């Protein structure tokens, strides 16, 4: 499996996890937008290994904090 597919899978899982965690405060579209915006901020990052973790952290900050 390629790195791009692994990253894509990880990002989809993050979005689903955030939708569960933040469903009481944000719509699925708002959560998708936060994830997309966070991911786009790392578009120029040449080393992609930790991008999904960074995307999740940034999206959680955008959505209003850490929820689990």
PDB file of N, CA and C in Angstrom:
ATOM      1  N   UNK A   1       0.848  -1.179   0.000  1.00  0.00           N
ATOM      2  CA  UNK A   1       0.000   0.000   0.000  1.00  0.00           C
ATOM      3  C   UNK A   1       0.890   1.238   0.000  1.00  0.00           C
ATOM      4  N   UNK A   2       0.496   2.233  -0.738  1.00  0.00           N
ATOM      5  CA  UNK A   2       1.313   3.436  -0.855  1.00  0.00           C
ATOM      6  C   UNK A   2       1.111   4.354   0.356  1.00  0.00           C
ATOM      7  N   UNK A   3       2.058   5.248   0.538  1.00  0.00           N
ATOM      8  CA  UNK A   3       1.985   6.207   1.633  1.00  0.00           C
ATOM      9  C   UNK A   3       0.751   7.094   1.487  1.00  0.00           C
ATOM     10  N   UNK A   4       0.430   7.494   0.262  1.00  0.00           N
ATOM     11  CA  UNK A   4      -0.727   8.356   0.040  1.00  0.00           C
ATOM     12  C   UNK A   4      -2.020   7.675   0.479  1.00  0.00           C
ATOM     13  N   UNK A   5      -2.162   6.375   0.172  1.00  0.00           N
ATOM     14  CA  UNK A   5      -3.365   5.650   0.580  1.00  0.00           C
ATOM     15  C   UNK A   5      -3.409   5.492   2.084  1.00  0.00           C
ATOM     16  N   UNK A   6      -2.279   5.219   2.719  1.00  0.00           N
ATOM     17  CA  UNK A   6      -2.235   5.114   4.169  1.00  0.00           C
ATOM     18  C   UNK A   6      -2.654   6.432   4.811  1.00  0.00           C
ATOM     19  N   UNK A   7      -2.145   7.527   4.286  1.00  0.00           N
ATOM     20  CA  UNK A   7      -2.497   8.838   4.824  1.00  0.00           C
ATOM     21  C   UNK A   7      -3.978   9.114   4.615  1.00  0.00           C
ATOM     22  N   UNK A   8      -4.471   8.815   3.452  1.00  0.00           N
ATOM     23  CA  UNK A   8      -5.885   9.040   3.148  1.00  0.00           C
ATOM     24  C   UNK A   8      -6.773   8.233   4.089  1.00  0.00           C
ATOM     25  N   UNK A   9      -6.430   6.988   4.313  1.00  0.00           N
ATOM     26  CA  UNK A   9      -7.183   6.133   5.230  1.00  0.00           C
ATOM     27  C   UNK A   9      -7.146   6.697   6.645  1.00  0.00           C
ATOM     28  N   UNK A  10      -5.971   7.118   7.077  1.00  0.00           N
ATOM     29  CA  UNK A  10      -5.822   7.691   8.420  1.00  0.00           C
ATOM     30  C   UNK A  10      -6.670   8.952   8.573  1.00  0.00           C
ATOM     31  N   UNK A  11      -6.682   9.803   7.557  1.00  0.00           N
ATOM     32  CA  UNK A  11      -7.459  11.049   7.620  1.00  0.00           C
ATOM     33  C   UNK A  11      -8.957  10.740   7.685  1.00  0.00           C
ATOM     34  N   UNK A  12      -9.405   9.764   6.919  1.00  0.00           N
ATOM     35  CA  UNK A  12     -10.829   9.376   6.968  1.00  0.00           C
ATOM     36  C   UNK A  12     -11.201   8.867   8.360  1.00  0.00           C
ATOM     37  N   UNK A  13     -10.327   8.072   8.946  1.00  0.00           N
ATOM     38  CA  UNK A  13     -10.588   7.558  10.298  1.00  0.00           C
ATOM     39  C   UNK A  13     -10.610   8.681  11.321  1.00  0.00           C
ATOM     40  N   UNK A  14      -9.724   9.630  11.170  1.00  0.00           N
ATOM     41  CA  UNK A  14      -9.704  10.789  12.066  1.00  0.00           C
ATOM     42  C   UNK A  14     -11.018  11.546  11.965  1.00  0.00           C
ATOM     43  N   UNK A  15     -11.473  11.796  10.751  1.00  0.00           N
ATOM     44  CA  UNK A  15     -12.730  12.525  10.559  1.00  0.00           C
ATOM     45  C   UNK A  15     -13.887  11.785  11.223  1.00  0.00           C
ATOM     46  N   UNK A  16     -13.936  10.486  11.084  1.00  0.00           N
ATOM     47  CA  UNK A  16     -15.003   9.701  11.701  1.00  0.00           C
ATOM     48  C   UNK A  16     -14.910   9.756  13.221  1.00  0.00           C
ATOM     49  N   UNK A  17     -13.714   9.660  13.751  1.00  0.00           N
ATOM     50  CA  UNK A  17     -13.509   9.736  15.205  1.00  0.00           C
ATOM     51  C   UNK A  17     -13.948  11.110  15.742  1.00  0.00           C
ATOM     52  N   UNK A  18     -13.581  12.162  15.019  1.00  0.00           N
ATOM     53  CA  UNK A  18     -13.964  13.507  15.439  1.00  0.00           C
ATOM     54  C   UNK A  18     -15.474  13.705  15.355  1.00  0.00           C
ATOM     55  N   UNK A  19     -16.101  13.103  14.376  1.00  0.00           N
ATOM     56  CA  UNK A  19     -17.559  13.214  14.259  1.00  0.00           C
ATOM     57  C   UNK A  19     -18.242  12.568  15.460  1.00  0.00           C
ATOM     58  N   UNK A  20     -17.669  11.507  15.967  1.00  0.00           N
ATOM     59  CA  UNK A  20     -18.208  10.875  17.173  1.00  0.00           C
ATOM     60  C   UNK A  20     -17.969  11.759  18.396  1.00  0.00           C
ATOM     61  N   UNK A  21     -16.748  12.276  18.505  1.00  0.00           N
ATOM     62  CA  UNK A  21     -16.372  13.077  19.676  1.00  0.00           C
ATOM     63  C   UNK A  21     -17.079  14.425  19.738  1.00  0.00           C
ATOM     64  N   UNK A  22     -17.332  15.039  18.595  1.00  0.00           N
ATOM     65  CA  UNK A  22     -17.855  16.408  18.561  1.00  0.00           C
ATOM     66  C   UNK A  22     -19.276  16.504  18.019  1.00  0.00           C
ATOM     67  N   UNK A  23     -19.977  15.390  17.924  1.00  0.00           N
ATOM     68  CA  UNK A  23     -21.311  15.400  17.320  1.00  0.00           C
ATOM     69  C   UNK A  23     -22.303  16.261  18.095  1.00  0.00           C
ATOM     70  N   UNK A  24     -22.031  16.495  19.377  1.00  0.00           N
ATOM     71  CA  UNK A  24     -22.945  17.320  20.167  1.00  0.00           C
ATOM     72  C   UNK A  24     -22.711  18.820  19.983  1.00  0.00           C
ATOM     73  N   UNK A  25     -21.588  19.183  19.322  1.00  0.00           N
ATOM     74  CA  UNK A  25     -21.245  20.605  19.174  1.00  0.00           C
ATOM     75  C   UNK A  25     -21.072  21.059  17.735  1.00  0.00           C
ATOM     76  N   UNK A  26     -20.846  20.116  16.819  1.00  0.00           N
ATOM     77  CA  UNK A  26     -20.565  20.485  15.429  1.00  0.00           C
ATOM     78  C   UNK A  26     -21.255  19.529  14.468  1.00  0.00           C
ATOM     79  N   UNK A  27     -21.611  20.063  13.309  1.00  0.00           N
ATOM     80  CA  UNK A  27     -22.196  19.218  12.267  1.00  0.00           C
ATOM     81  C   UNK A  27     -21.085  18.420  11.586  1.00  0.00           C
ATOM     82  N   UNK A  28     -21.452  17.320  10.930  1.00  0.00           N
ATOM     83  CA  UNK A  28     -20.441  16.563  10.178  1.00  0.00           C
ATOM     84  C   UNK A  28     -19.717  17.428   9.141  1.00  0.00           C
ATOM     85  N   UNK A  29     -20.436  18.360   8.518  1.00  0.00           N
ATOM     86  CA  UNK A  29     -19.803  19.242   7.527  1.00  0.00           C
ATOM     87  C   UNK A  29     -18.774  20.160   8.167  1.00  0.00           C
ATOM     88  N   UNK A  30     -19.075  20.673   9.354  1.00  0.00           N
ATOM     89  CA  UNK A  30     -18.112  21.527  10.061  1.00  0.00           C
ATOM     90  C   UNK A  30     -16.851  20.731  10.428  1.00  0.00           C
ATOM     91  N   UNK A  31     -17.045  19.502  10.832  1.00  0.00           N
ATOM     92  CA  UNK A  31     -15.914  18.649  11.199  1.00  0.00           C
ATOM     93  C   UNK A  31     -15.084  18.323   9.967  1.00  0.00           C
ATOM     94  N   UNK A  32     -15.746  17.969   8.879  1.00  0.00           N
ATOM     95  CA  UNK A  32     -15.013  17.708   7.628  1.00  0.00           C
ATOM     96  C   UNK A  32     -14.220  18.932   7.195  1.00  0.00           C
ATOM     97  N   UNK A  33     -14.819  20.115   7.345  1.00  0.00           N
ATOM     98  CA  UNK A  33     -14.127  21.344   6.967  1.00  0.00           C
ATOM     99  C   UNK A  33     -12.899  21.579   7.839  1.00  0.00           C
ATOM    100  N   UNK A  34     -13.013  21.314   9.134  1.00  0.00           N
ATOM    101  CA  UNK A  34     -11.868  21.491  10.042  1.00  0.00           C
ATOM    102  C   UNK A  34     -10.744  20.528   9.678  1.00  0.00           C
ATOM    103  N   UNK A  35     -11.094  19.298   9.346  1.00  0.00           N
ATOM    104  CA  UNK A  35     -10.085  18.302   8.960  1.00  0.00           C
ATOM    105  C   UNK A  35      -9.438  18.703   7.638  1.00  0.00           C
ATOM    106  N   UNK A  36     -10.237  19.121   6.682  1.00  0.00           N
ATOM    107  CA  UNK A  36      -9.710  19.539   5.382  1.00  0.00           C
ATOM    108  C   UNK A  36      -8.775  20.733   5.525  1.00  0.00           C
ATOM    109  N   UNK A  37      -9.194  21.715   6.297  1.00  0.00           N
ATOM    110  CA  UNK A  37      -8.363  22.906   6.508  1.00  0.00           C
ATOM    111  C   UNK A  37      -7.047  22.527   7.194  1.00  0.00           C
ATOM    112  N   UNK A  38      -7.136  21.678   8.187  1.00  0.00           N
ATOM    113  CA  UNK A  38      -5.920  21.245   8.890  1.00  0.00           C
ATOM    114  C   UNK A  38      -4.995  20.497   7.943  1.00  0.00           C
ATOM    115  N   UNK A  39      -5.553  19.608   7.145  1.00  0.00           N
ATOM    116  CA  UNK A  39      -4.725  18.837   6.216  1.00  0.00           C
ATOM    117  C   UNK A  39      -4.067  19.737   5.172  1.00  0.00           C
ATOM    118  N   UNK A  40      -4.813  20.683   4.665  1.00  0.00           N
ATOM    119  CA  UNK A  40      -4.266  21.587   3.653  1.00  0.00           C
ATOM    120  C   UNK A  40      -3.107  22.411   4.193  1.00  0.00           C
ATOM    121  N   UNK A  41      -3.103  22.666   5.482  1.00  0.00           N
ATOM    122  CA  UNK A  41      -2.005  23.446   6.061  1.00  0.00           C
ATOM    123  C   UNK A  41      -0.686  22.678   6.046  1.00  0.00           C
ATOM    124  N   UNK A  42      -0.755  21.384   5.804  1.00  0.00           N
ATOM    125  CA  UNK A  42       0.446  20.552   5.743  1.00  0.00           C
ATOM    126  C   UNK A  42       0.763  20.085   4.316  1.00  0.00           C
ATOM    127  N   UNK A  43       0.127  20.688   3.315  1.00  0.00           N
ATOM    128  CA  UNK A  43       0.343  20.275   1.919  1.00  0.00           C
ATOM    129  C   UNK A  43       1.797  20.340   1.481  1.00  0.00           C
ATOM    130  N   UNK A  44       2.543  21.306   1.991  1.00  0.00           N
ATOM    131  CA  UNK A  44       3.933  21.469   1.566  1.00  0.00           C
ATOM    132  C   UNK A  44       4.923  20.705   2.437  1.00  0.00           C
ATOM    133  N   UNK A  45       4.428  19.896   3.346  1.00  0.00           N
ATOM    134  CA  UNK A  45       5.298  19.119   4.224  1.00  0.00           C
ATOM    135  C   UNK A  45       5.846  17.927   3.453  1.00  0.00           C
ATOM    136  N   UNK A  46       7.166  17.859   3.251  1.00  0.00           N
ATOM    137  CA  UNK A  46       7.723  16.777   2.439  1.00  0.00           C
ATOM    138  C   UNK A  46       7.702  15.414   3.136  1.00  0.00           C
ATOM    139  N   UNK A  47       7.857  15.395   4.439  1.00  0.00           N
ATOM    140  CA  UNK A  47       7.830  14.132   5.173  1.00  0.00           C
ATOM    141  C   UNK A  47       6.434  13.974   5.739  1.00  0.00           C
ATOM    142  N   UNK A  48       5.736  12.943   5.298  1.00  0.00           N
ATOM    143  CA  UNK A  48       4.308  12.792   5.567  1.00  0.00           C
ATOM    144  C   UNK A  48       3.982  11.877   6.747  1.00  0.00           C
ATOM    145  N   UNK A  49       4.971  11.282   7.354  1.00  0.00           N
ATOM    146  CA  UNK A  49       4.751  10.262   8.371  1.00  0.00           C
ATOM    147  C   UNK A  49       3.806  10.704   9.478  1.00  0.00           C
ATOM    148  N   UNK A  50       3.980  11.895   9.993  1.00  0.00           N
ATOM    149  CA  UNK A  50       3.203  12.349  11.142  1.00  0.00           C
ATOM    150  C   UNK A  50       2.063  13.299  10.774  1.00  0.00           C
ATOM    151  N   UNK A  51       1.823  13.479   9.513  1.00  0.00           N
ATOM    152  CA  UNK A  51       0.778  14.409   9.087  1.00  0.00           C
ATOM    153  C   UNK A  51      -0.589  14.053   9.678  1.00  0.00           C
ATOM    154  N   UNK A  52      -1.030  12.799   9.670  1.00  0.00           N
ATOM    155  CA  UNK A  52      -2.345  12.512  10.253  1.00  0.00           C
ATOM    156  C   UNK A  52      -2.462  12.925  11.727  1.00  0.00           C
ATOM    157  N   UNK A  53      -1.437  12.690  12.503  1.00  0.00           N
ATOM    158  CA  UNK A  53      -1.469  13.087  13.918  1.00  0.00           C
ATOM    159  C   UNK A  53      -1.569  14.608  14.034  1.00  0.00           C
ATOM    160  N   UNK A  54      -0.801  15.307  13.234  1.00  0.00           N
ATOM    161  CA  UNK A  54      -0.818  16.766  13.260  1.00  0.00           C
ATOM    162  C   UNK A  54      -2.163  17.309  12.793  1.00  0.00           C
ATOM    163  N   UNK A  55      -2.739  16.670  11.798  1.00  0.00           N
ATOM    164  CA  UNK A  55      -4.062  17.075  11.307  1.00  0.00           C
ATOM    165  C   UNK A  55      -5.101  16.916  12.408  1.00  0.00           C
ATOM    166  N   UNK A  56      -5.062  15.799  13.101  1.00  0.00           N
ATOM    167  CA  UNK A  56      -6.034  15.579  14.170  1.00  0.00           C
ATOM    168  C   UNK A  56      -5.889  16.624  15.264  1.00  0.00           C
ATOM    169  N   UNK A  57      -4.675  16.895  15.681  1.00  0.00           N
ATOM    170  CA  UNK A  57      -4.450  17.899  16.733  1.00  0.00           C
ATOM    171  C   UNK A  57      -4.962  19.274  16.314  1.00  0.00           C
ATOM    172  N   UNK A  58      -4.639  19.652  15.083  1.00  0.00           N
ATOM    173  CA  UNK A  58      -5.053  20.974  14.599  1.00  0.00           C
ATOM    174  C   UNK A  58      -6.577  21.051  14.459  1.00  0.00           C
ATOM    175  N   UNK A  59      -7.193  20.002  13.956  1.00  0.00           N
ATOM    176  CA  UNK A  59      -8.650  19.982  13.804  1.00  0.00           C
ATOM    177  C   UNK A  59      -9.329  20.045  15.170  1.00  0.00           C
ATOM    178  N   UNK A  60      -8.801  19.320  16.145  1.00  0.00           N
ATOM    179  CA  UNK A  60      -9.375  19.371  17.496  1.00  0.00           C
ATOM    180  C   UNK A  60      -9.291  20.784  18.072  1.00  0.00           C
ATOM    181  N   UNK A  61      -8.165  21.471  17.855  1.00  0.00           N
ATOM    182  CA  UNK A  61      -8.053  22.855  18.335  1.00  0.00           C
ATOM    183  C   UNK A  61      -9.099  23.735  17.659  1.00  0.00           C
ATOM    184  N   UNK A  62      -9.275  23.555  16.369  1.00  0.00           N
ATOM    185  CA  UNK A  62     -10.269  24.328  15.628  1.00  0.00           C
ATOM    186  C   UNK A  62     -11.679  24.068  16.152  1.00  0.00           C
ATOM    187  N   UNK A  63     -11.946  22.825  16.490  1.00  0.00           N
ATOM    188  CA  UNK A  63     -13.287  22.439  16.938  1.00  0.00           C
ATOM    189  C   UNK A  63     -13.533  22.771  18.403  1.00  0.00           C
ATOM    190  N   UNK A  64     -12.523  23.197  19.106  1.00  0.00           N
ATOM    191  CA  UNK A  64     -12.763  23.659  20.463  1.00  0.00           C
ATOM    192  C   UNK A  64     -12.186  22.812  21.562  1.00  0.00           C
ATOM    193  N   UNK A  65     -11.127  22.141  21.307  1.00  0.00           N
ATOM    194  CA  UNK A  65     -10.460  21.413  22.383  1.00  0.00           C
ATOM    195  C   UNK A  65     -10.464  19.918  22.183  1.00  0.00           C
ATOM    196  N   UNK A  66      -9.863  19.263  23.124  1.00  0.00           N
ATOM    197  CA  UNK A  66      -9.715  17.805  23.070  1.00  0.00           C
ATOM    198  C   UNK A  66     -10.953  17.147  23.665  1.00  0.00           C
ATOM    199  N   UNK A  67     -11.541  16.244  22.919  1.00  0.00           N
ATOM    200  CA  UNK A  67     -12.723  15.526  23.425  1.00  0.00           C
ATOM    201  C   UNK A  67     -12.536  14.048  23.181  1.00  0.00           C
ATOM    202  N   UNK A  68     -12.744  13.262  24.180  1.00  0.00           N
ATOM    203  CA  UNK A  68     -12.709  11.790  24.061  1.00  0.00           C
ATOM    204  C   UNK A  68     -13.731  11.159  24.961  1.00  0.00           C
TER     205      UNK A  68
END
